[in-house]
Amino acid sequence: FGSRPLPANAEEVTWEQAQADLRQGRYDLVLCLALFDLHTVQNW
């Protein structure tokens, strides 16, 4: 929050929450900003 406020159309989620939402098909897209992210999602 010292860098920027969290936008109104954004929310922080835990890893467990994200995994549950992924299993339930709640995301339309995963946006990767680093190669490690791409490696994480390669089988999603």
PDB file of all heavy atoms in Angstrom:
ATOM      1  N   PHE A   1       0.818  -1.213   0.000  1.00  0.00           N
ATOM      2  CA  PHE A   1       0.000   0.000   0.000  1.00  0.00           C
ATOM      3  C   PHE A   1       0.851   1.262   0.000  1.00  0.00           C
ATOM      4  O   PHE A   1       0.350   2.338  -0.310  1.00  0.00           O
ATOM      5  CB  PHE A   1      -0.962  -0.008   1.187  1.00  0.00           C
ATOM      6  CG  PHE A   1      -2.089  -0.987   1.017  1.00  0.00           C
ATOM      7  CD1 PHE A   1      -1.989  -2.272   1.537  1.00  0.00           C
ATOM      8  CD2 PHE A   1      -3.227  -0.647   0.313  1.00  0.00           C
ATOM      9  CE1 PHE A   1      -3.014  -3.183   1.370  1.00  0.00           C
ATOM     10  CE2 PHE A   1      -4.261  -1.554   0.141  1.00  0.00           C
ATOM     11  CZ  PHE A   1      -4.159  -2.827   0.668  1.00  0.00           C
ATOM     12  N   GLY A   2       2.124   1.152   0.333  1.00  0.00           N
ATOM     13  CA  GLY A   2       3.026   2.287   0.253  1.00  0.00           C
ATOM     14  C   GLY A   2       3.363   2.641  -1.185  1.00  0.00           C
ATOM     15  O   GLY A   2       3.780   3.752  -1.478  1.00  0.00           O
ATOM     16  N   SER A   3       3.170   1.690  -2.084  1.00  0.00           N
ATOM     17  CA  SER A   3       3.427   1.907  -3.513  1.00  0.00           C
ATOM     18  C   SER A   3       2.202   2.474  -4.215  1.00  0.00           C
ATOM     19  O   SER A   3       2.273   3.479  -4.902  1.00  0.00           O
ATOM     20  CB  SER A   3       3.835   0.585  -4.163  1.00  0.00           C
ATOM     21  OG  SER A   3       3.882   0.707  -5.560  1.00  0.00           O
ATOM     22  N   ARG A   4       1.078   1.819  -4.030  1.00  0.00           N
ATOM     23  CA  ARG A   4      -0.176   2.207  -4.673  1.00  0.00           C
ATOM     24  C   ARG A   4      -1.344   1.685  -3.838  1.00  0.00           C
ATOM     25  O   ARG A   4      -1.233   0.636  -3.210  1.00  0.00           O
ATOM     26  CB  ARG A   4      -0.328   1.570  -6.066  1.00  0.00           C
ATOM     27  CG  ARG A   4       0.762   1.858  -7.075  1.00  0.00           C
ATOM     28  CD  ARG A   4       0.502   3.208  -7.740  1.00  0.00           C
ATOM     29  NE  ARG A   4       1.317   3.439  -8.911  1.00  0.00           N
ATOM     30  CZ  ARG A   4       2.620   3.635  -8.936  1.00  0.00           C
ATOM     31  NH1 ARG A   4       3.318   3.538  -7.837  1.00  0.00           N
ATOM     32  NH2 ARG A   4       3.258   3.900 -10.063  1.00  0.00           N
ATOM     33  N   PRO A   5      -2.487   2.367  -3.886  1.00  0.00           N
ATOM     34  CA  PRO A   5      -3.675   1.780  -3.256  1.00  0.00           C
ATOM     35  C   PRO A   5      -4.186   0.623  -4.111  1.00  0.00           C
ATOM     36  O   PRO A   5      -3.974   0.595  -5.328  1.00  0.00           O
ATOM     37  CB  PRO A   5      -4.682   2.935  -3.228  1.00  0.00           C
ATOM     38  CG  PRO A   5      -4.224   3.876  -4.291  1.00  0.00           C
ATOM     39  CD  PRO A   5      -2.730   3.692  -4.429  1.00  0.00           C
ATOM     40  N   LEU A   6      -4.836  -0.327  -3.478  1.00  0.00           N
ATOM     41  CA  LEU A   6      -5.437  -1.442  -4.214  1.00  0.00           C
ATOM     42  C   LEU A   6      -6.633  -0.899  -4.990  1.00  0.00           C
ATOM     43  O   LEU A   6      -7.510  -0.257  -4.408  1.00  0.00           O
ATOM     44  CB  LEU A   6      -5.886  -2.528  -3.232  1.00  0.00           C
ATOM     45  CG  LEU A   6      -6.393  -3.824  -3.822  1.00  0.00           C
ATOM     46  CD1 LEU A   6      -5.267  -4.571  -4.543  1.00  0.00           C
ATOM     47  CD2 LEU A   6      -6.968  -4.713  -2.727  1.00  0.00           C
ATOM     48  N   PRO A   7      -6.680  -1.088  -6.307  1.00  0.00           N
ATOM     49  CA  PRO A   7      -7.800  -0.570  -7.095  1.00  0.00           C
ATOM     50  C   PRO A   7      -9.136  -1.140  -6.625  1.00  0.00           C
ATOM     51  O   PRO A   7      -9.210  -2.243  -6.091  1.00  0.00           O
ATOM     52  CB  PRO A   7      -7.476  -1.046  -8.519  1.00  0.00           C
ATOM     53  CG  PRO A   7      -6.007  -1.288  -8.523  1.00  0.00           C
ATOM     54  CD  PRO A   7      -5.675  -1.763  -7.137  1.00  0.00           C
ATOM     55  N   ALA A   8     -10.197  -0.397  -6.850  1.00  0.00           N
ATOM     56  CA  ALA A   8     -11.539  -0.804  -6.430  1.00  0.00           C
ATOM     57  C   ALA A   8     -11.973  -2.100  -7.099  1.00  0.00           C
ATOM     58  O   ALA A   8     -12.753  -2.860  -6.525  1.00  0.00           O
ATOM     59  CB  ALA A   8     -12.536   0.306  -6.722  1.00  0.00           C
ATOM     60  N   ASN A   9     -11.478  -2.371  -8.302  1.00  0.00           N
ATOM     61  CA  ASN A   9     -11.859  -3.587  -9.026  1.00  0.00           C
ATOM     62  C   ASN A   9     -10.823  -4.705  -8.847  1.00  0.00           C
ATOM     63  O   ASN A   9     -10.709  -5.600  -9.668  1.00  0.00           O
ATOM     64  CB  ASN A   9     -12.081  -3.298 -10.511  1.00  0.00           C
ATOM     65  CG  ASN A   9     -10.879  -2.676 -11.181  1.00  0.00           C
ATOM     66  OD1 ASN A   9     -10.163  -1.881 -10.589  1.00  0.00           O
ATOM     67  ND2 ASN A   9     -10.669  -3.014 -12.431  1.00  0.00           N
ATOM     68  N   ALA A  10     -10.104  -4.640  -7.719  1.00  0.00           N
ATOM     69  CA  ALA A  10      -9.119  -5.678  -7.396  1.00  0.00           C
ATOM     70  C   ALA A  10      -9.293  -6.097  -5.944  1.00  0.00           C
ATOM     71  O   ALA A  10      -9.770  -5.316  -5.117  1.00  0.00           O
ATOM     72  CB  ALA A  10      -7.702  -5.154  -7.630  1.00  0.00           C
ATOM     73  N   GLU A  11      -8.915  -7.329  -5.680  1.00  0.00           N
ATOM     74  CA  GLU A  11      -8.960  -7.853  -4.318  1.00  0.00           C
ATOM     75  C   GLU A  11      -7.763  -8.759  -4.106  1.00  0.00           C
ATOM     76  O   GLU A  11      -7.304  -9.415  -5.032  1.00  0.00           O
ATOM     77  CB  GLU A  11     -10.246  -8.650  -4.080  1.00  0.00           C
ATOM     78  CG  GLU A  11     -10.316  -9.897  -4.949  1.00  0.00           C
ATOM     79  CD  GLU A  11     -11.514 -10.777  -4.663  1.00  0.00           C
ATOM     80  OE1 GLU A  11     -12.089 -10.684  -3.564  1.00  0.00           O
ATOM     81  OE2 GLU A  11     -11.859 -11.564  -5.553  1.00  0.00           O
ATOM     82  N   GLU A  12      -7.254  -8.766  -2.890  1.00  0.00           N
ATOM     83  CA  GLU A  12      -6.207  -9.718  -2.538  1.00  0.00           C
ATOM     84  C   GLU A  12      -6.858 -11.037  -2.186  1.00  0.00           C
ATOM     85  O   GLU A  12      -7.884 -11.068  -1.497  1.00  0.00           O
ATOM     86  CB  GLU A  12      -5.404  -9.233  -1.335  1.00  0.00           C
ATOM     87  CG  GLU A  12      -4.366  -8.198  -1.661  1.00  0.00           C
ATOM     88  CD  GLU A  12      -3.462  -7.961  -0.473  1.00  0.00           C
ATOM     89  OE1 GLU A  12      -3.890  -7.269   0.463  1.00  0.00           O
ATOM     90  OE2 GLU A  12      -2.324  -8.479  -0.489  1.00  0.00           O
ATOM     91  N   VAL A  13      -6.287 -12.131  -2.687  1.00  0.00           N
ATOM     92  CA  VAL A  13      -6.767 -13.463  -2.332  1.00  0.00           C
ATOM     93  C   VAL A  13      -5.571 -14.301  -1.896  1.00  0.00           C
ATOM     94  O   VAL A  13      -4.444 -14.056  -2.310  1.00  0.00           O
ATOM     95  CB  VAL A  13      -7.511 -14.161  -3.498  1.00  0.00           C
ATOM     96  CG1 VAL A  13      -8.767 -13.390  -3.874  1.00  0.00           C
ATOM     97  CG2 VAL A  13      -6.616 -14.345  -4.714  1.00  0.00           C
ATOM     98  N   THR A  14      -5.845 -15.266  -1.060  1.00  0.00           N
ATOM     99  CA  THR A  14      -4.799 -16.185  -0.633  1.00  0.00           C
ATOM    100  C   THR A  14      -4.576 -17.219  -1.728  1.00  0.00           C
ATOM    101  O   THR A  14      -5.403 -17.388  -2.630  1.00  0.00           O
ATOM    102  CB  THR A  14      -5.202 -16.910   0.659  1.00  0.00           C
ATOM    103  OG1 THR A  14      -6.341 -17.725   0.381  1.00  0.00           O
ATOM    104  CG2 THR A  14      -5.480 -15.928   1.785  1.00  0.00           C
ATOM    105  N   TRP A  15      -3.469 -17.933  -1.603  1.00  0.00           N
ATOM    106  CA  TRP A  15      -3.179 -19.008  -2.548  1.00  0.00           C
ATOM    107  C   TRP A  15      -4.288 -20.068  -2.504  1.00  0.00           C
ATOM    108  O   TRP A  15      -4.737 -20.560  -3.531  1.00  0.00           O
ATOM    109  CB  TRP A  15      -1.806 -19.607  -2.243  1.00  0.00           C
ATOM    110  CG  TRP A  15      -1.409 -20.644  -3.222  1.00  0.00           C
ATOM    111  CD1 TRP A  15      -1.379 -21.985  -3.017  1.00  0.00           C
ATOM    112  CD2 TRP A  15      -1.022 -20.446  -4.581  1.00  0.00           C
ATOM    113  NE1 TRP A  15      -0.989 -22.632  -4.160  1.00  0.00           N
ATOM    114  CE2 TRP A  15      -0.767 -21.707  -5.133  1.00  0.00           C
ATOM    115  CE3 TRP A  15      -0.876 -19.316  -5.383  1.00  0.00           C
ATOM    116  CZ2 TRP A  15      -0.364 -21.877  -6.451  1.00  0.00           C
ATOM    117  CZ3 TRP A  15      -0.469 -19.485  -6.689  1.00  0.00           C
ATOM    118  CH2 TRP A  15      -0.220 -20.749  -7.214  1.00  0.00           C
ATOM    119  N   GLU A  16      -4.761 -20.381  -1.304  1.00  0.00           N
ATOM    120  CA  GLU A  16      -5.817 -21.394  -1.152  1.00  0.00           C
ATOM    121  C   GLU A  16      -7.117 -20.935  -1.791  1.00  0.00           C
ATOM    122  O   GLU A  16      -7.803 -21.717  -2.459  1.00  0.00           O
ATOM    123  CB  GLU A  16      -6.037 -21.705   0.340  1.00  0.00           C
ATOM    124  CG  GLU A  16      -4.851 -22.383   1.015  1.00  0.00           C
ATOM    125  CD  GLU A  16      -3.686 -21.442   1.314  1.00  0.00           C
ATOM    126  OE1 GLU A  16      -3.894 -20.202   1.409  1.00  0.00           O
ATOM    127  OE2 GLU A  16      -2.551 -21.948   1.430  1.00  0.00           O
ATOM    128  N   GLN A  17      -7.459 -19.666  -1.623  1.00  0.00           N
ATOM    129  CA  GLN A  17      -8.678 -19.112  -2.234  1.00  0.00           C
ATOM    130  C   GLN A  17      -8.568 -19.150  -3.763  1.00  0.00           C
ATOM    131  O   GLN A  17      -9.505 -19.530  -4.449  1.00  0.00           O
ATOM    132  CB  GLN A  17      -8.889 -17.673  -1.774  1.00  0.00           C
ATOM    133  CG  GLN A  17      -9.949 -16.924  -2.546  1.00  0.00           C
ATOM    134  CD  GLN A  17     -11.316 -17.078  -1.952  1.00  0.00           C
ATOM    135  OE1 GLN A  17     -11.466 -16.974  -0.754  1.00  0.00           O
ATOM    136  NE2 GLN A  17     -12.297 -17.335  -2.780  1.00  0.00           N
ATOM    137  N   ALA A  18      -7.414 -18.762  -4.279  1.00  0.00           N
ATOM    138  CA  ALA A  18      -7.210 -18.778  -5.733  1.00  0.00           C
ATOM    139  C   ALA A  18      -7.348 -20.191  -6.284  1.00  0.00           C
ATOM    140  O   ALA A  18      -7.983 -20.402  -7.320  1.00  0.00           O
ATOM    141  CB  ALA A  18      -5.843 -18.194  -6.082  1.00  0.00           C
ATOM    142  N   GLN A  19      -6.766 -21.171  -5.601  1.00  0.00           N
ATOM    143  CA  GLN A  19      -6.857 -22.560  -6.040  1.00  0.00           C
ATOM    144  C   GLN A  19      -8.312 -23.041  -6.043  1.00  0.00           C
ATOM    145  O   GLN A  19      -8.750 -23.695  -6.990  1.00  0.00           O
ATOM    146  CB  GLN A  19      -6.016 -23.464  -5.129  1.00  0.00           C
ATOM    147  CG  GLN A  19      -4.522 -23.307  -5.320  1.00  0.00           C
ATOM    148  CD  GLN A  19      -4.075 -23.865  -6.647  1.00  0.00           C
ATOM    149  OE1 GLN A  19      -4.261 -25.036  -6.929  1.00  0.00           O
ATOM    150  NE2 GLN A  19      -3.500 -23.018  -7.464  1.00  0.00           N
ATOM    151  N   ALA A  20      -9.060 -22.709  -4.998  1.00  0.00           N
ATOM    152  CA  ALA A  20     -10.475 -23.103  -4.934  1.00  0.00           C
ATOM    153  C   ALA A  20     -11.268 -22.445  -6.053  1.00  0.00           C
ATOM    154  O   ALA A  20     -12.084 -23.099  -6.721  1.00  0.00           O
ATOM    155  CB  ALA A  20     -11.057 -22.724  -3.573  1.00  0.00           C
ATOM    156  N   ASP A  21     -11.018 -21.169  -6.297  1.00  0.00           N
ATOM    157  CA  ASP A  21     -11.722 -20.467  -7.372  1.00  0.00           C
ATOM    158  C   ASP A  21     -11.356 -21.028  -8.739  1.00  0.00           C
ATOM    159  O   ASP A  21     -12.201 -21.129  -9.630  1.00  0.00           O
ATOM    160  CB  ASP A  21     -11.435 -18.968  -7.313  1.00  0.00           C
ATOM    161  CG  ASP A  21     -12.120 -18.279  -6.143  1.00  0.00           C
ATOM    162  OD1 ASP A  21     -13.021 -18.891  -5.525  1.00  0.00           O
ATOM    163  OD2 ASP A  21     -11.754 -17.128  -5.846  1.00  0.00           O
ATOM    164  N   LEU A  22     -10.099 -21.406  -8.922  1.00  0.00           N
ATOM    165  CA  LEU A  22      -9.672 -22.028 -10.182  1.00  0.00           C
ATOM    166  C   LEU A  22     -10.400 -23.353 -10.405  1.00  0.00           C
ATOM    167  O   LEU A  22     -10.898 -23.618 -11.500  1.00  0.00           O
ATOM    168  CB  LEU A  22      -8.165 -22.266 -10.187  1.00  0.00           C
ATOM    169  CG  LEU A  22      -7.310 -21.061 -10.530  1.00  0.00           C
ATOM    170  CD1 LEU A  22      -5.873 -21.298 -10.097  1.00  0.00           C
ATOM    171  CD2 LEU A  22      -7.389 -20.759 -12.015  1.00  0.00           C
ATOM    172  N   ARG A  23     -10.467 -24.178  -9.373  1.00  0.00           N
ATOM    173  CA  ARG A  23     -11.151 -25.474  -9.493  1.00  0.00           C
ATOM    174  C   ARG A  23     -12.625 -25.300  -9.858  1.00  0.00           C
ATOM    175  O   ARG A  23     -13.204 -26.141 -10.535  1.00  0.00           O
ATOM    176  CB  ARG A  23     -11.026 -26.272  -8.194  1.00  0.00           C
ATOM    177  CG  ARG A  23      -9.674 -26.936  -8.013  1.00  0.00           C
ATOM    178  CD  ARG A  23      -9.677 -27.918  -6.850  1.00  0.00           C
ATOM    179  NE  ARG A  23      -9.946 -27.293  -5.570  1.00  0.00           N
ATOM    180  CZ  ARG A  23      -9.041 -26.707  -4.792  1.00  0.00           C
ATOM    181  NH1 ARG A  23      -7.783 -26.658  -5.182  1.00  0.00           N
ATOM    182  NH2 ARG A  23      -9.378 -26.186  -3.638  1.00  0.00           N
ATOM    183  N   GLN A  24     -13.216 -24.217  -9.396  1.00  0.00           N
ATOM    184  CA  GLN A  24     -14.629 -23.968  -9.660  1.00  0.00           C
ATOM    185  C   GLN A  24     -14.850 -23.161 -10.935  1.00  0.00           C
ATOM    186  O   GLN A  24     -15.982 -22.783 -11.243  1.00  0.00           O
ATOM    187  CB  GLN A  24     -15.265 -23.280  -8.462  1.00  0.00           C
ATOM    188  CG  GLN A  24     -15.280 -24.180  -7.234  1.00  0.00           C
ATOM    189  CD  GLN A  24     -15.837 -23.486  -6.010  1.00  0.00           C
ATOM    190  OE1 GLN A  24     -16.374 -22.397  -6.079  1.00  0.00           O
ATOM    191  NE2 GLN A  24     -15.695 -24.144  -4.868  1.00  0.00           N
ATOM    192  N   GLY A  25     -13.784 -22.899 -11.692  1.00  0.00           N
ATOM    193  CA  GLY A  25     -13.901 -22.204 -12.969  1.00  0.00           C
ATOM    194  C   GLY A  25     -14.275 -20.742 -12.863  1.00  0.00           C
ATOM    195  O   GLY A  25     -14.918 -20.191 -13.751  1.00  0.00           O
ATOM    196  N   ARG A  26     -13.857 -20.088 -11.800  1.00  0.00           N
ATOM    197  CA  ARG A  26     -14.253 -18.695 -11.572  1.00  0.00           C
ATOM    198  C   ARG A  26     -13.380 -17.667 -12.276  1.00  0.00           C
ATOM    199  O   ARG A  26     -13.680 -16.490 -12.223  1.00  0.00           O
ATOM    200  CB  ARG A  26     -14.285 -18.408 -10.078  1.00  0.00           C
ATOM    201  CG  ARG A  26     -15.380 -19.163  -9.384  1.00  0.00           C
ATOM    202  CD  ARG A  26     -15.595 -18.674  -7.975  1.00  0.00           C
ATOM    203  NE  ARG A  26     -16.706 -19.397  -7.397  1.00  0.00           N
ATOM    204  CZ  ARG A  26     -16.749 -19.801  -6.147  1.00  0.00           C
ATOM    205  NH1 ARG A  26     -15.747 -19.529  -5.340  1.00  0.00           N
ATOM    206  NH2 ARG A  26     -17.787 -20.464  -5.691  1.00  0.00           N
ATOM    207  N   TYR A  27     -12.290 -18.114 -12.906  1.00  0.00           N
ATOM    208  CA  TYR A  27     -11.413 -17.161 -13.604  1.00  0.00           C
ATOM    209  C   TYR A  27     -11.499 -17.367 -15.107  1.00  0.00           C
ATOM    210  O   TYR A  27     -11.548 -18.485 -15.600  1.00  0.00           O
ATOM    211  CB  TYR A  27      -9.960 -17.314 -13.138  1.00  0.00           C
ATOM    212  CG  TYR A  27      -9.770 -16.927 -11.690  1.00  0.00           C
ATOM    213  CD1 TYR A  27      -9.417 -17.869 -10.743  1.00  0.00           C
ATOM    214  CD2 TYR A  27      -9.968 -15.613 -11.274  1.00  0.00           C
ATOM    215  CE1 TYR A  27      -9.253 -17.523  -9.413  1.00  0.00           C
ATOM    216  CE2 TYR A  27      -9.815 -15.266  -9.945  1.00  0.00           C
ATOM    217  CZ  TYR A  27      -9.462 -16.215  -9.020  1.00  0.00           C
ATOM    218  OH  TYR A  27      -9.310 -15.871  -7.707  1.00  0.00           O
ATOM    219  N   ASP A  28     -11.491 -16.250 -15.816  1.00  0.00           N
ATOM    220  CA  ASP A  28     -11.480 -16.275 -17.275  1.00  0.00           C
ATOM    221  C   ASP A  28     -10.060 -16.271 -17.824  1.00  0.00           C
ATOM    222  O   ASP A  28      -9.830 -16.676 -18.958  1.00  0.00           O
ATOM    223  CB  ASP A  28     -12.217 -15.038 -17.824  1.00  0.00           C
ATOM    224  CG  ASP A  28     -13.653 -14.982 -17.363  1.00  0.00           C
ATOM    225  OD1 ASP A  28     -14.392 -15.945 -17.629  1.00  0.00           O
ATOM    226  OD2 ASP A  28     -14.030 -13.988 -16.710  1.00  0.00           O
ATOM    227  N   LEU A  29      -9.118 -15.783 -17.019  1.00  0.00           N
ATOM    228  CA  LEU A  29      -7.754 -15.580 -17.491  1.00  0.00           C
ATOM    229  C   LEU A  29      -6.809 -15.533 -16.297  1.00  0.00           C
ATOM    230  O   LEU A  29      -7.169 -15.024 -15.237  1.00  0.00           O
ATOM    231  CB  LEU A  29      -7.677 -14.237 -18.241  1.00  0.00           C
ATOM    232  CG  LEU A  29      -6.327 -13.786 -18.777  1.00  0.00           C
ATOM    233  CD1 LEU A  29      -5.907 -14.658 -19.947  1.00  0.00           C
ATOM    234  CD2 LEU A  29      -6.400 -12.330 -19.204  1.00  0.00           C
ATOM    235  N   VAL A  30      -5.592 -16.058 -16.495  1.00  0.00           N
ATOM    236  CA  VAL A  30      -4.516 -15.883 -15.518  1.00  0.00           C
ATOM    237  C   VAL A  30      -3.465 -15.006 -16.191  1.00  0.00           C
ATOM    238  O   VAL A  30      -3.002 -15.310 -17.294  1.00  0.00           O
ATOM    239  CB  VAL A  30      -3.899 -17.226 -15.082  1.00  0.00           C
ATOM    240  CG1 VAL A  30      -2.713 -16.985 -14.167  1.00  0.00           C
ATOM    241  CG2 VAL A  30      -4.936 -18.092 -14.392  1.00  0.00           C
ATOM    242  N   LEU A  31      -3.127 -13.919 -15.528  1.00  0.00           N
ATOM    243  CA  LEU A  31      -2.134 -12.979 -16.041  1.00  0.00           C
ATOM    244  C   LEU A  31      -0.821 -13.222 -15.314  1.00  0.00           C
ATOM    245  O   LEU A  31      -0.735 -13.079 -14.093  1.00  0.00           O
ATOM    246  CB  LEU A  31      -2.617 -11.542 -15.819  1.00  0.00           C
ATOM    247  CG  LEU A  31      -1.709 -10.414 -16.264  1.00  0.00           C
ATOM    248  CD1 LEU A  31      -1.393 -10.514 -17.752  1.00  0.00           C
ATOM    249  CD2 LEU A  31      -2.362  -9.074 -15.943  1.00  0.00           C
ATOM    250  N   CYS A  32       0.196 -13.639 -16.059  1.00  0.00           N
ATOM    251  CA  CYS A  32       1.519 -13.936 -15.516  1.00  0.00           C
ATOM    252  C   CYS A  32       2.448 -12.764 -15.805  1.00  0.00           C
ATOM    253  O   CYS A  32       2.524 -12.306 -16.950  1.00  0.00           O
ATOM    254  CB  CYS A  32       2.075 -15.211 -16.141  1.00  0.00           C
ATOM    255  SG  CYS A  32       1.047 -16.659 -15.869  1.00  0.00           S
ATOM    256  N   LEU A  33       3.164 -12.314 -14.784  1.00  0.00           N
ATOM    257  CA  LEU A  33       4.070 -11.179 -14.939  1.00  0.00           C
ATOM    258  C   LEU A  33       5.534 -11.571 -14.822  1.00  0.00           C
ATOM    259  O   LEU A  33       6.412 -10.736 -14.977  1.00  0.00           O
ATOM    260  CB  LEU A  33       3.742 -10.104 -13.900  1.00  0.00           C
ATOM    261  CG  LEU A  33       2.304  -9.585 -13.919  1.00  0.00           C
ATOM    262  CD1 LEU A  33       2.095  -8.554 -12.814  1.00  0.00           C
ATOM    263  CD2 LEU A  33       1.945  -9.017 -15.270  1.00  0.00           C
ATOM    264  N   ALA A  34       5.785 -12.838 -14.525  1.00  0.00           N
ATOM    265  CA  ALA A  34       7.160 -13.339 -14.392  1.00  0.00           C
ATOM    266  C   ALA A  34       7.207 -14.762 -14.934  1.00  0.00           C
ATOM    267  O   ALA A  34       6.201 -15.468 -14.954  1.00  0.00           O
ATOM    268  CB  ALA A  34       7.596 -13.313 -12.930  1.00  0.00           C
ATOM    269  N   LEU A  35       8.394 -15.179 -15.351  1.00  0.00           N
ATOM    270  CA  LEU A  35       8.545 -16.539 -15.871  1.00  0.00           C
ATOM    271  C   LEU A  35       8.149 -17.587 -14.840  1.00  0.00           C
ATOM    272  O   LEU A  35       7.612 -18.632 -15.193  1.00  0.00           O
ATOM    273  CB  LEU A  35       9.983 -16.764 -16.318  1.00  0.00           C
ATOM    274  CG  LEU A  35      10.356 -16.106 -17.643  1.00  0.00           C
ATOM    275  CD1 LEU A  35      11.866 -16.158 -17.846  1.00  0.00           C
ATOM    276  CD2 LEU A  35       9.642 -16.780 -18.788  1.00  0.00           C
ATOM    277  N   PHE A  36       8.392 -17.301 -13.568  1.00  0.00           N
ATOM    278  CA  PHE A  36       8.020 -18.257 -12.528  1.00  0.00           C
ATOM    279  C   PHE A  36       6.507 -18.454 -12.483  1.00  0.00           C
ATOM    280  O   PHE A  36       6.030 -19.549 -12.206  1.00  0.00           O
ATOM    281  CB  PHE A  36       8.540 -17.794 -11.167  1.00  0.00           C
ATOM    282  CG  PHE A  36      10.034 -17.737 -11.119  1.00  0.00           C
ATOM    283  CD1 PHE A  36      10.681 -16.528 -11.000  1.00  0.00           C
ATOM    284  CD2 PHE A  36      10.799 -18.892 -11.211  1.00  0.00           C
ATOM    285  CE1 PHE A  36      12.069 -16.460 -10.956  1.00  0.00           C
ATOM    286  CE2 PHE A  36      12.195 -18.842 -11.173  1.00  0.00           C
ATOM    287  CZ  PHE A  36      12.820 -17.627 -11.042  1.00  0.00           C
ATOM    288  N   ASP A  37       5.744 -17.395 -12.759  1.00  0.00           N
ATOM    289  CA  ASP A  37       4.282 -17.516 -12.824  1.00  0.00           C
ATOM    290  C   ASP A  37       3.894 -18.459 -13.951  1.00  0.00           C
ATOM    291  O   ASP A  37       3.029 -19.322 -13.797  1.00  0.00           O
ATOM    292  CB  ASP A  37       3.615 -16.169 -13.080  1.00  0.00           C
ATOM    293  CG  ASP A  37       3.931 -15.124 -12.040  1.00  0.00           C
ATOM    294  OD1 ASP A  37       4.372 -15.491 -10.936  1.00  0.00           O
ATOM    295  OD2 ASP A  37       3.731 -13.939 -12.349  1.00  0.00           O
ATOM    296  N   LEU A  38       4.519 -18.274 -15.086  1.00  0.00           N
ATOM    297  CA  LEU A  38       4.228 -19.104 -16.253  1.00  0.00           C
ATOM    298  C   LEU A  38       4.518 -20.570 -15.946  1.00  0.00           C
ATOM    299  O   LEU A  38       3.750 -21.462 -16.315  1.00  0.00           O
ATOM    300  CB  LEU A  38       5.065 -18.621 -17.435  1.00  0.00           C
ATOM    301  CG  LEU A  38       4.587 -18.916 -18.831  1.00  0.00           C
ATOM    302  CD1 LEU A  38       3.166 -18.439 -19.054  1.00  0.00           C
ATOM    303  CD2 LEU A  38       5.519 -18.308 -19.853  1.00  0.00           C
ATOM    304  N   HIS A  39       5.591 -20.815 -15.245  1.00  0.00           N
ATOM    305  CA  HIS A  39       5.926 -22.180 -14.838  1.00  0.00           C
ATOM    306  C   HIS A  39       4.862 -22.727 -13.886  1.00  0.00           C
ATOM    307  O   HIS A  39       4.440 -23.874 -13.998  1.00  0.00           O
ATOM    308  CB  HIS A  39       7.306 -22.203 -14.181  1.00  0.00           C
ATOM    309  CG  HIS A  39       7.760 -23.563 -13.816  1.00  0.00           C
ATOM    310  ND1 HIS A  39       7.609 -24.059 -12.554  1.00  0.00           N
ATOM    311  CD2 HIS A  39       8.345 -24.539 -14.545  1.00  0.00           C
ATOM    312  CE1 HIS A  39       8.081 -25.293 -12.516  1.00  0.00           C
ATOM    313  NE2 HIS A  39       8.532 -25.605 -13.712  1.00  0.00           N
ATOM    314  N   THR A  40       4.393 -21.902 -12.965  1.00  0.00           N
ATOM    315  CA  THR A  40       3.368 -22.313 -11.999  1.00  0.00           C
ATOM    316  C   THR A  40       2.088 -22.744 -12.689  1.00  0.00           C
ATOM    317  O   THR A  40       1.452 -23.718 -12.296  1.00  0.00           O
ATOM    318  CB  THR A  40       3.068 -21.160 -11.010  1.00  0.00           C
ATOM    319  OG1 THR A  40       4.251 -20.853 -10.282  1.00  0.00           O
ATOM    320  CG2 THR A  40       1.952 -21.525 -10.051  1.00  0.00           C
ATOM    321  N   VAL A  41       1.680 -22.031 -13.731  1.00  0.00           N
ATOM    322  CA  VAL A  41       0.361 -22.261 -14.354  1.00  0.00           C
ATOM    323  C   VAL A  41       0.401 -23.157 -15.588  1.00  0.00           C
ATOM    324  O   VAL A  41      -0.630 -23.349 -16.234  1.00  0.00           O
ATOM    325  CB  VAL A  41      -0.316 -20.921 -14.719  1.00  0.00           C
ATOM    326  CG1 VAL A  41      -0.398 -20.020 -13.509  1.00  0.00           C
ATOM    327  CG2 VAL A  41       0.396 -20.214 -15.869  1.00  0.00           C
ATOM    328  N   GLN A  42       1.555 -23.715 -15.917  1.00  0.00           N
ATOM    329  CA  GLN A  42       1.693 -24.429 -17.188  1.00  0.00           C
ATOM    330  C   GLN A  42       0.686 -25.554 -17.386  1.00  0.00           C
ATOM    331  O   GLN A  42       0.327 -25.860 -18.522  1.00  0.00           O
ATOM    332  CB  GLN A  42       3.113 -24.928 -17.374  1.00  0.00           C
ATOM    333  CG  GLN A  42       3.548 -26.013 -16.425  1.00  0.00           C
ATOM    334  CD  GLN A  42       5.007 -26.368 -16.606  1.00  0.00           C
ATOM    335  OE1 GLN A  42       5.637 -25.963 -17.576  1.00  0.00           O
ATOM    336  NE2 GLN A  42       5.557 -27.111 -15.671  1.00  0.00           N
ATOM    337  N   ASN A  43       0.184 -26.161 -16.326  1.00  0.00           N
ATOM    338  CA  ASN A  43      -0.775 -27.258 -16.468  1.00  0.00           C
ATOM    339  C   ASN A  43      -2.194 -26.883 -16.060  1.00  0.00           C
ATOM    340  O   ASN A  43      -3.048 -27.746 -15.946  1.00  0.00           O
ATOM    341  CB  ASN A  43      -0.303 -28.469 -15.649  1.00  0.00           C
ATOM    342  CG  ASN A  43       1.006 -29.005 -16.179  1.00  0.00           C
ATOM    343  OD1 ASN A  43       1.201 -29.133 -17.382  1.00  0.00           O
ATOM    344  ND2 ASN A  43       1.922 -29.292 -15.282  1.00  0.00           N
ATOM    345  N   TRP A  44      -2.428 -25.616 -15.817  1.00  0.00           N
ATOM    346  CA  TRP A  44      -3.761 -25.181 -15.413  1.00  0.00           C
ATOM    347  C   TRP A  44      -4.683 -25.123 -16.622  1.00  0.00           C
ATOM    348  O   TRP A  44      -4.274 -24.734 -17.714  1.00  0.00           O
ATOM    349  CB  TRP A  44      -3.718 -23.824 -14.741  1.00  0.00           C
ATOM    350  CG  TRP A  44      -3.020 -23.802 -13.418  1.00  0.00           C
ATOM    351  CD1 TRP A  44      -2.365 -24.833 -12.805  1.00  0.00           C
ATOM    352  CD2 TRP A  44      -2.892 -22.689 -12.545  1.00  0.00           C
ATOM    353  NE1 TRP A  44      -1.851 -24.422 -11.599  1.00  0.00           N
ATOM    354  CE2 TRP A  44      -2.154 -23.117 -11.416  1.00  0.00           C
ATOM    355  CE3 TRP A  44      -3.319 -21.377 -12.610  1.00  0.00           C
ATOM    356  CZ2 TRP A  44      -1.856 -22.263 -10.365  1.00  0.00           C
ATOM    357  CZ3 TRP A  44      -3.019 -20.526 -11.560  1.00  0.00           C
ATOM    358  CH2 TRP A  44      -2.303 -20.970 -10.450  1.00  0.00           C
TER     359      TRP A  44
END
